Each structure stands twice: as C-alpha cells, then as structure tokens.
C-alpha cells in the first residue's frame, strides 16, 4: 500500500516515513503542498492508497490542498488524514477522514491509518 505524505517539516516526514516503511507501506513524500498538488493532480500518476497532509504549510495550506484534491482530481476518493500541532481544527468530514494531533504515538498513528481507510470505504459505499 502506498502512502503519500506532505509536510514542510523534514523531521516529521522522516519519522512518518520510517514508521510506515517499517510496517510494510511504501511512501511518497512532499515537502510542500504545491509539490504534492502537481503530482497528485496529474492523471497519469497512480493515486496513493492514502494521503497524510499537514495543516499549516507554505504556498497553500492542507485544507486548500485537500479541497483541491476532493474537487479537481481523479484521486478525489482517497482516504485523507490531516495532521497538525494545532489542537483544535474545524470538523470537515467532507474533506478529510481523520484529524490527528501531532503529539501522537506510533501505535495511534498506525491505527489512524486503518480508521481513515474504513471511514472512506463506508463513505464510498453510501454514495
């Protein structure tokens, strides 16, 4: 399973990549939202199985990136986890499937991936 990760914090990208790859996932990382958008909006690229996006990034933030993905791409139905060090974020279940505060532990992070995939699967069944 391939996980796309977008975060402007290189340390966070490295930690998430390490956790995911040690648990059998392949990863594609992006250091900003524009770089991720260019890749994911290209219809010749295969959609990731899940996207993990930071909230606060330069160029445009995670909410803008996710909004664009949901409305303008062939990848509009992928499960999405929004991560941030901000403790409270407006609930937007139309955009992301799960919000995860960046003070998470490895086990919680991996469980969140499963949760996001299950939520998206149920949303797709209803539509």
C-alpha atoms as a PDB file:
ATOM      1  CA  UNK A   1       0.000   0.000   0.000  1.00  0.00           C
ATOM      2  CA  UNK A   2       1.332   3.428  -0.946  1.00  0.00           C
ATOM      3  CA  UNK A   3       1.025   6.398   1.391  1.00  0.00           C
ATOM      4  CA  UNK A   4       1.611   9.972   0.201  1.00  0.00           C
ATOM      5  CA  UNK A   5       2.831  12.340   2.922  1.00  0.00           C
ATOM      6  CA  UNK A   6       3.025  16.121   2.621  1.00  0.00           C
ATOM      7  CA  UNK A   7       4.629  18.162   5.386  1.00  0.00           C
ATOM      8  CA  UNK A   8       7.033  21.100   5.324  1.00  0.00           C
ATOM      9  CA  UNK A   9       8.796  19.731   8.422  1.00  0.00           C
ATOM     10  CA  UNK A  10      11.563  17.404   7.196  1.00  0.00           C
ATOM     11  CA  UNK A  11      11.849  15.778  10.615  1.00  0.00           C
ATOM     12  CA  UNK A  12       8.168  14.839  10.593  1.00  0.00           C
ATOM     13  CA  UNK A  13       8.475  13.488   7.042  1.00  0.00           C
ATOM     14  CA  UNK A  14      11.389  11.297   8.131  1.00  0.00           C
ATOM     15  CA  UNK A  15       9.592   9.986  11.233  1.00  0.00           C
ATOM     16  CA  UNK A  16       6.373   9.179   9.363  1.00  0.00           C
ATOM     17  CA  UNK A  17       8.289   7.549   6.519  1.00  0.00           C
ATOM     18  CA  UNK A  18      10.287   5.404   8.946  1.00  0.00           C
ATOM     19  CA  UNK A  19       7.171   4.252  10.817  1.00  0.00           C
ATOM     20  CA  UNK A  20       5.291   3.465   7.620  1.00  0.00           C
ATOM     21  CA  UNK A  21       8.115   1.663   5.841  1.00  0.00           C
ATOM     22  CA  UNK A  22       8.883  -0.448   8.942  1.00  0.00           C
ATOM     23  CA  UNK A  23       5.239  -1.523   8.817  1.00  0.00           C
ATOM     24  CA  UNK A  24       5.254  -2.566   5.170  1.00  0.00           C
ATOM     25  CA  UNK A  25       3.983   0.592   3.464  1.00  0.00           C
ATOM     26  CA  UNK A  26       5.668   2.356   0.578  1.00  0.00           C
ATOM     27  CA  UNK A  27       5.815   6.133   0.764  1.00  0.00           C
ATOM     28  CA  UNK A  28       5.911   9.161  -1.496  1.00  0.00           C
ATOM     29  CA  UNK A  29       6.899  12.345   0.321  1.00  0.00           C
ATOM     30  CA  UNK A  30       6.432  16.011  -0.493  1.00  0.00           C
ATOM     31  CA  UNK A  31       7.927  18.988   1.328  1.00  0.00           C
ATOM     32  CA  UNK A  32       5.134  21.388   0.361  1.00  0.00           C
ATOM     33  CA  UNK A  33       1.556  21.433  -0.823  1.00  0.00           C
ATOM     34  CA  UNK A  34       2.380  22.734  -4.296  1.00  0.00           C
ATOM     35  CA  UNK A  35       4.752  19.839  -4.980  1.00  0.00           C
ATOM     36  CA  UNK A  36       2.108  17.359  -3.810  1.00  0.00           C
ATOM     37  CA  UNK A  37      -0.600  19.058  -5.867  1.00  0.00           C
ATOM     38  CA  UNK A  38       1.497  18.898  -9.049  1.00  0.00           C
ATOM     39  CA  UNK A  39       1.994  15.163  -8.573  1.00  0.00           C
ATOM     40  CA  UNK A  40      -1.483  14.133  -7.420  1.00  0.00           C
ATOM     41  CA  UNK A  41      -3.352  16.251  -9.979  1.00  0.00           C
ATOM     42  CA  UNK A  42      -1.529  14.569 -12.864  1.00  0.00           C
ATOM     43  CA  UNK A  43      -3.926  11.901 -14.172  1.00  0.00           C
ATOM     44  CA  UNK A  44      -1.026   9.772 -15.405  1.00  0.00           C
ATOM     45  CA  UNK A  45       0.122   9.243 -11.794  1.00  0.00           C
ATOM     46  CA  UNK A  46      -1.446   6.435  -9.785  1.00  0.00           C
ATOM     47  CA  UNK A  47      -3.397   7.647  -6.772  1.00  0.00           C
ATOM     48  CA  UNK A  48      -1.912   6.841  -3.384  1.00  0.00           C
ATOM     49  CA  UNK A  49      -3.896   4.469  -1.194  1.00  0.00           C
ATOM     50  CA  UNK A  50      -3.985   7.181   1.480  1.00  0.00           C
ATOM     51  CA  UNK A  51      -2.779  10.781   1.898  1.00  0.00           C
ATOM     52  CA  UNK A  52      -1.403  12.286   5.093  1.00  0.00           C
ATOM     53  CA  UNK A  53      -1.245  16.078   4.997  1.00  0.00           C
ATOM     54  CA  UNK A  54      -0.007  18.693   7.399  1.00  0.00           C
ATOM     55  CA  UNK A  55      -2.364  21.606   8.030  1.00  0.00           C
ATOM     56  CA  UNK A  56      -0.008  24.595   8.068  1.00  0.00           C
ATOM     57  CA  UNK A  57       2.311  24.781   5.066  1.00  0.00           C
ATOM     58  CA  UNK A  58       3.684  27.467   2.762  1.00  0.00           C
ATOM     59  CA  UNK A  59       2.172  28.150  -0.670  1.00  0.00           C
ATOM     60  CA  UNK A  60      -1.274  26.852   0.349  1.00  0.00           C
ATOM     61  CA  UNK A  61      -2.340  25.040   3.497  1.00  0.00           C
ATOM     62  CA  UNK A  62      -3.544  21.494   3.971  1.00  0.00           C
ATOM     63  CA  UNK A  63      -7.217  22.458   3.830  1.00  0.00           C
ATOM     64  CA  UNK A  64      -6.719  24.104   0.428  1.00  0.00           C
ATOM     65  CA  UNK A  65      -4.735  21.114  -0.834  1.00  0.00           C
ATOM     66  CA  UNK A  66      -7.362  18.641   0.330  1.00  0.00           C
ATOM     67  CA  UNK A  67     -10.187  20.769  -1.110  1.00  0.00           C
ATOM     68  CA  UNK A  68      -8.445  20.773  -4.476  1.00  0.00           C
ATOM     69  CA  UNK A  69      -7.861  17.021  -4.340  1.00  0.00           C
ATOM     70  CA  UNK A  70     -11.505  16.328  -3.453  1.00  0.00           C
ATOM     71  CA  UNK A  71     -12.904  18.563  -6.206  1.00  0.00           C
ATOM     72  CA  UNK A  72     -10.390  18.546  -9.037  1.00  0.00           C
ATOM     73  CA  UNK A  73      -8.635  15.187  -9.317  1.00  0.00           C
ATOM     74  CA  UNK A  74      -9.001  11.565 -10.233  1.00  0.00           C
ATOM     75  CA  UNK A  75      -7.893  10.856  -6.643  1.00  0.00           C
ATOM     76  CA  UNK A  76     -10.938  12.527  -5.056  1.00  0.00           C
ATOM     77  CA  UNK A  77     -11.967   9.405  -3.096  1.00  0.00           C
ATOM     78  CA  UNK A  78      -8.692   8.567  -1.353  1.00  0.00           C
ATOM     79  CA  UNK A  79      -8.659   8.416   2.455  1.00  0.00           C
ATOM     80  CA  UNK A  80      -7.053  11.537   3.933  1.00  0.00           C
ATOM     81  CA  UNK A  81      -5.574  12.178   7.366  1.00  0.00           C
ATOM     82  CA  UNK A  82      -4.972  15.802   8.339  1.00  0.00           C
ATOM     83  CA  UNK A  83      -2.207  16.249  10.914  1.00  0.00           C
ATOM     84  CA  UNK A  84      -1.249  19.372  12.838  1.00  0.00           C
ATOM     85  CA  UNK A  85       0.265  20.674  16.016  1.00  0.00           C
ATOM     86  CA  UNK A  86      -2.846  22.872  16.311  1.00  0.00           C
ATOM     87  CA  UNK A  87      -5.037  21.268  18.951  1.00  0.00           C
ATOM     88  CA  UNK A  88      -8.449  22.134  17.514  1.00  0.00           C
ATOM     89  CA  UNK A  89      -9.431  22.115  13.889  1.00  0.00           C
ATOM     90  CA  UNK A  90     -12.850  22.677  12.370  1.00  0.00           C
ATOM     91  CA  UNK A  91     -14.506  19.322  11.699  1.00  0.00           C
ATOM     92  CA  UNK A  92     -14.654  18.922   7.925  1.00  0.00           C
ATOM     93  CA  UNK A  93     -15.553  15.300   7.291  1.00  0.00           C
ATOM     94  CA  UNK A  94     -16.368  16.287   3.711  1.00  0.00           C
ATOM     95  CA  UNK A  95     -12.639  16.898   3.195  1.00  0.00           C
ATOM     96  CA  UNK A  96     -10.536  14.727   5.487  1.00  0.00           C
ATOM     97  CA  UNK A  97     -11.472  11.463   7.128  1.00  0.00           C
ATOM     98  CA  UNK A  98      -9.496  11.808  10.358  1.00  0.00           C
ATOM     99  CA  UNK A  99      -7.686  14.632  12.151  1.00  0.00           C
ATOM    100  CA  UNK A 100      -4.614  13.644  14.148  1.00  0.00           C
ATOM    101  CA  UNK A 101      -2.795  15.947  16.555  1.00  0.00           C
ATOM    102  CA  UNK A 102       0.972  15.764  16.015  1.00  0.00           C
ATOM    103  CA  UNK A 103       1.674  14.591  19.552  1.00  0.00           C
ATOM    104  CA  UNK A 104       0.623  11.064  18.525  1.00  0.00           C
ATOM    105  CA  UNK A 105       2.401   7.807  19.296  1.00  0.00           C
ATOM    106  CA  UNK A 106       3.387   5.223  16.679  1.00  0.00           C
ATOM    107  CA  UNK A 107       0.558   2.818  17.549  1.00  0.00           C
ATOM    108  CA  UNK A 108      -2.035   5.601  17.455  1.00  0.00           C
ATOM    109  CA  UNK A 109      -0.695   6.759  14.084  1.00  0.00           C
ATOM    110  CA  UNK A 110      -0.964   3.283  12.555  1.00  0.00           C
ATOM    111  CA  UNK A 111      -4.452   2.806  14.000  1.00  0.00           C
ATOM    112  CA  UNK A 112      -5.472   6.146  12.474  1.00  0.00           C
ATOM    113  CA  UNK A 113      -4.486   4.902   9.026  1.00  0.00           C
ATOM    114  CA  UNK A 114      -6.786   1.889   9.430  1.00  0.00           C
ATOM    115  CA  UNK A 115      -9.551   4.138  10.773  1.00  0.00           C
ATOM    116  CA  UNK A 116      -9.289   6.580   7.852  1.00  0.00           C
ATOM    117  CA  UNK A 117      -9.403   3.747   5.334  1.00  0.00           C
ATOM    118  CA  UNK A 118     -12.516   2.272   6.979  1.00  0.00           C
ATOM    119  CA  UNK A 119     -14.269   5.659   7.148  1.00  0.00           C
ATOM    120  CA  UNK A 120     -13.583   6.372   3.475  1.00  0.00           C
ATOM    121  CA  UNK A 121     -14.741   2.900   2.474  1.00  0.00           C
ATOM    122  CA  UNK A 122     -18.042   3.476   4.285  1.00  0.00           C
ATOM    123  CA  UNK A 123     -18.460   6.937   2.712  1.00  0.00           C
ATOM    124  CA  UNK A 124     -17.929   5.494  -0.758  1.00  0.00           C
ATOM    125  CA  UNK A 125     -20.483   2.741  -0.115  1.00  0.00           C
ATOM    126  CA  UNK A 126     -23.120   5.336   0.864  1.00  0.00           C
ATOM    127  CA  UNK A 127     -22.584   7.324  -2.328  1.00  0.00           C
END
